[in-house]
Protein backbone atom coordinates (compact mmCIF):
# COMPACT_ATOMS: atom_id res chain seq x y z
CA MET A 1 14.52 -48.63 -50.47
CA LEU A 2 12.42 -47.13 -53.23
CA ARG A 3 9.89 -49.22 -55.06
CA HIS A 4 10.55 -47.44 -58.39
CA GLU A 5 13.75 -46.13 -59.86
CA LEU A 6 11.85 -43.11 -61.23
CA PRO A 7 8.60 -41.70 -59.85
CA PRO A 8 5.70 -43.47 -61.60
CA GLY A 9 3.76 -40.24 -62.19
CA TYR A 10 0.10 -39.63 -61.70
CA GLN A 11 -2.23 -42.51 -62.59
CA ARG A 12 -5.93 -41.81 -62.81
CA SER A 13 -7.99 -44.42 -60.95
CA ALA A 14 -11.17 -43.84 -63.01
CA ALA A 15 -12.04 -42.08 -66.24
CA SER A 16 -12.96 -38.46 -65.76
CA ARG A 17 -16.65 -37.63 -65.84
CA ARG A 18 -17.90 -34.94 -68.16
CA PRO A 19 -21.62 -34.76 -67.44
CA THR A 20 -22.35 -32.08 -70.02
CA LEU A 21 -20.28 -33.64 -72.82
CA ASP A 22 -20.64 -37.40 -72.25
CA ASP A 23 -23.84 -37.62 -74.35
CA TYR A 24 -22.16 -35.94 -77.33
CA ILE A 25 -18.74 -37.65 -77.35
CA GLY A 26 -19.87 -40.13 -80.01
CA VAL A 27 -21.05 -37.31 -82.30
CA ILE A 28 -17.81 -35.38 -81.85
CA ASP A 29 -15.69 -38.50 -82.46
CA GLU A 30 -17.62 -39.22 -85.66
CA ILE A 31 -17.05 -35.66 -86.93
CA LEU A 32 -13.33 -35.94 -86.19
CA ARG A 33 -13.12 -39.35 -87.89
CA THR A 34 -14.74 -38.02 -91.06
CA ASP A 35 -12.51 -34.93 -90.96
CA LYS A 36 -9.40 -37.10 -91.25
CA ALA A 37 -10.48 -38.09 -94.77
CA VAL A 38 -10.71 -34.49 -96.06
CA ILE A 39 -8.05 -31.85 -96.60
CA LYS A 40 -7.17 -29.47 -93.73
CA LYS A 41 -9.02 -26.49 -95.19
CA GLN A 42 -12.30 -28.42 -95.20
CA ARG A 43 -12.11 -29.80 -91.66
CA HIS A 44 -14.44 -28.63 -88.91
CA THR A 45 -13.15 -26.07 -86.44
CA ALA A 46 -13.93 -26.39 -82.75
CA ASN A 47 -16.44 -23.58 -83.07
CA ARG A 48 -18.21 -25.30 -86.00
CA ILE A 49 -18.41 -28.56 -84.02
CA PHE A 50 -19.88 -26.66 -81.07
CA GLU A 51 -22.45 -24.96 -83.31
CA PHE A 52 -23.35 -28.31 -84.92
CA ILE A 53 -23.99 -30.15 -81.65
CA ARG A 54 -25.79 -27.11 -80.25
CA ASP A 55 -28.11 -26.67 -83.27
CA GLU A 56 -28.57 -30.29 -84.36
CA HIS A 57 -28.37 -32.20 -81.10
CA GLY A 58 -29.63 -29.70 -78.51
CA TYR A 59 -26.38 -29.20 -76.58
CA LYS A 60 -26.94 -26.49 -73.98
CA GLY A 61 -23.29 -25.77 -73.26
CA ILE A 62 -21.48 -25.49 -70.00
CA ARG A 63 -22.04 -21.80 -69.30
CA ARG A 64 -24.67 -22.49 -66.68
CA LYS A 65 -22.68 -21.32 -63.69
CA THR A 66 -24.25 -18.18 -62.33
CA ARG A 67 -22.38 -15.35 -60.76
CA LYS A 68 -22.07 -15.52 -57.00
CA HIS A 69 -24.02 -12.81 -55.24
CA PHE A 70 -22.37 -11.48 -52.11
CA SER A 71 -24.31 -10.22 -49.12
CA THR A 72 -23.62 -6.77 -47.72
CA GLU A 73 -21.64 -8.29 -44.86
CA GLU A 74 -19.50 -10.28 -47.31
CA ASN A 75 -18.87 -7.15 -49.41
CA ILE A 76 -17.79 -5.24 -46.29
CA HIS A 77 -15.55 -8.15 -45.25
CA ILE A 78 -13.85 -8.22 -48.66
CA VAL A 79 -13.31 -4.45 -48.78
CA LEU A 80 -11.97 -4.33 -45.22
CA ALA A 81 -9.59 -7.19 -45.98
CA GLY A 82 -8.26 -5.17 -48.91
CA LEU A 83 -7.98 -1.98 -46.85
CA ARG A 84 -6.03 -3.82 -44.15
CA GLY A 85 -3.37 -4.50 -46.76
CA GLU A 86 -2.35 -7.90 -45.41
CA GLU A 87 -2.66 -9.40 -48.91
CA SER A 88 -2.47 -7.89 -52.35
CA ILE A 89 -5.72 -6.86 -53.99
CA ALA A 90 -5.04 -9.24 -56.88
CA PHE A 91 -4.65 -12.21 -54.52
CA LEU A 92 -7.72 -11.21 -52.51
CA CYS A 93 -9.82 -10.93 -55.68
CA TRP A 94 -8.55 -14.30 -56.90
CA GLN A 95 -9.36 -15.83 -53.54
CA GLU A 96 -12.90 -14.45 -53.52
CA GLY A 97 -13.50 -15.13 -57.21
CA ILE A 98 -14.17 -11.53 -58.24
CA SER A 99 -12.48 -9.20 -60.69
CA GLU A 100 -10.30 -6.36 -59.44
CA CYS A 101 -12.61 -3.89 -61.16
CA LEU A 102 -15.52 -5.20 -59.08
CA TYR A 103 -13.43 -4.92 -55.91
CA TYR A 104 -12.49 -1.30 -56.59
CA GLY A 105 -16.11 -0.46 -57.37
CA ARG A 106 -17.19 -1.95 -54.05
CA SER A 107 -14.43 -0.17 -52.15
CA LYS A 108 -15.50 3.14 -53.73
CA GLU A 109 -19.10 2.50 -52.67
CA PHE A 110 -17.89 1.60 -49.19
CA ILE A 111 -15.82 4.76 -48.84
CA ASP A 112 -18.60 6.95 -50.30
CA ALA A 113 -21.06 5.41 -47.84
CA GLY A 114 -18.66 6.22 -45.00
CA ASN A 115 -18.38 9.81 -46.19
CA MET A 116 -22.18 10.11 -46.39
CA TRP A 117 -22.48 8.68 -42.89
CA ALA A 118 -19.95 11.20 -41.57
CA PHE A 119 -21.81 14.00 -43.36
CA ASP A 120 -25.14 12.80 -41.95
CA ALA A 121 -23.59 12.67 -38.47
CA GLN A 122 -22.56 16.33 -38.81
CA ARG A 123 -25.89 17.42 -40.26
CA PRO A 124 -27.77 17.78 -36.92
CA ARG A 125 -24.88 19.78 -35.43
CA LEU A 126 -24.79 22.07 -38.49
CA PHE A 127 -28.57 22.45 -38.32
CA ILE A 128 -28.45 23.40 -34.63
CA GLN A 129 -25.60 25.85 -35.31
CA SER A 130 -27.54 27.51 -38.11
CA ILE A 131 -30.63 27.83 -35.90
CA SER A 132 -28.61 29.16 -32.99
CA ASN A 133 -26.89 31.69 -35.28
CA LYS A 134 -30.26 32.87 -36.61
CA LEU A 135 -31.66 33.04 -33.10
CA ARG A 136 -28.64 34.99 -31.85
CA ASP A 137 -28.94 37.45 -34.74
CA GLU A 138 -32.64 37.93 -34.01
CA ILE A 139 -31.98 38.54 -30.30
CA VAL A 140 -29.26 41.07 -31.10
CA LYS A 141 -31.41 42.75 -33.73
CA ARG A 142 -34.28 43.22 -31.27
CA GLY A 143 -31.89 44.49 -28.62
CA LEU A 144 -32.95 41.92 -26.05
CA CYS A 145 -29.41 41.01 -25.09
CA ASN A 146 -25.86 42.24 -25.50
CA PRO A 147 -24.16 40.33 -28.36
CA HIS A 148 -21.04 39.74 -26.23
CA PHE A 149 -23.01 37.58 -23.79
CA ILE A 150 -24.44 35.23 -26.40
């Protein structure tokens, strides 16, 4: 019924591509071959090999991936997803590719912006109340109207 007695395991169909390292594999292999002839204390470390191919052979490295910039709508979507509480913050951050610290910073900005909006929405009402209170006091002070009717 089964073709194999045991599962054959994963078999790669083609060699993996390493576009940033493929040009330097020969240099690295040569360093490792020469290191086998010397004692352990004198062998190259991974960091020394990296520095050698960077300085001598012009290797640029693989740290070319730039940070993803999120639009305002995406930031709001992420924060609202966290506030809904359907998933943990850690999972949400992993899913979006951001750190938890960045998420909490964005949520603080989001909440502060909401508080400012609420304050700005109350500002005209407070302004009108302050004007009406001043106007009422002026009317009462001049005796133009009974204060109980205002």
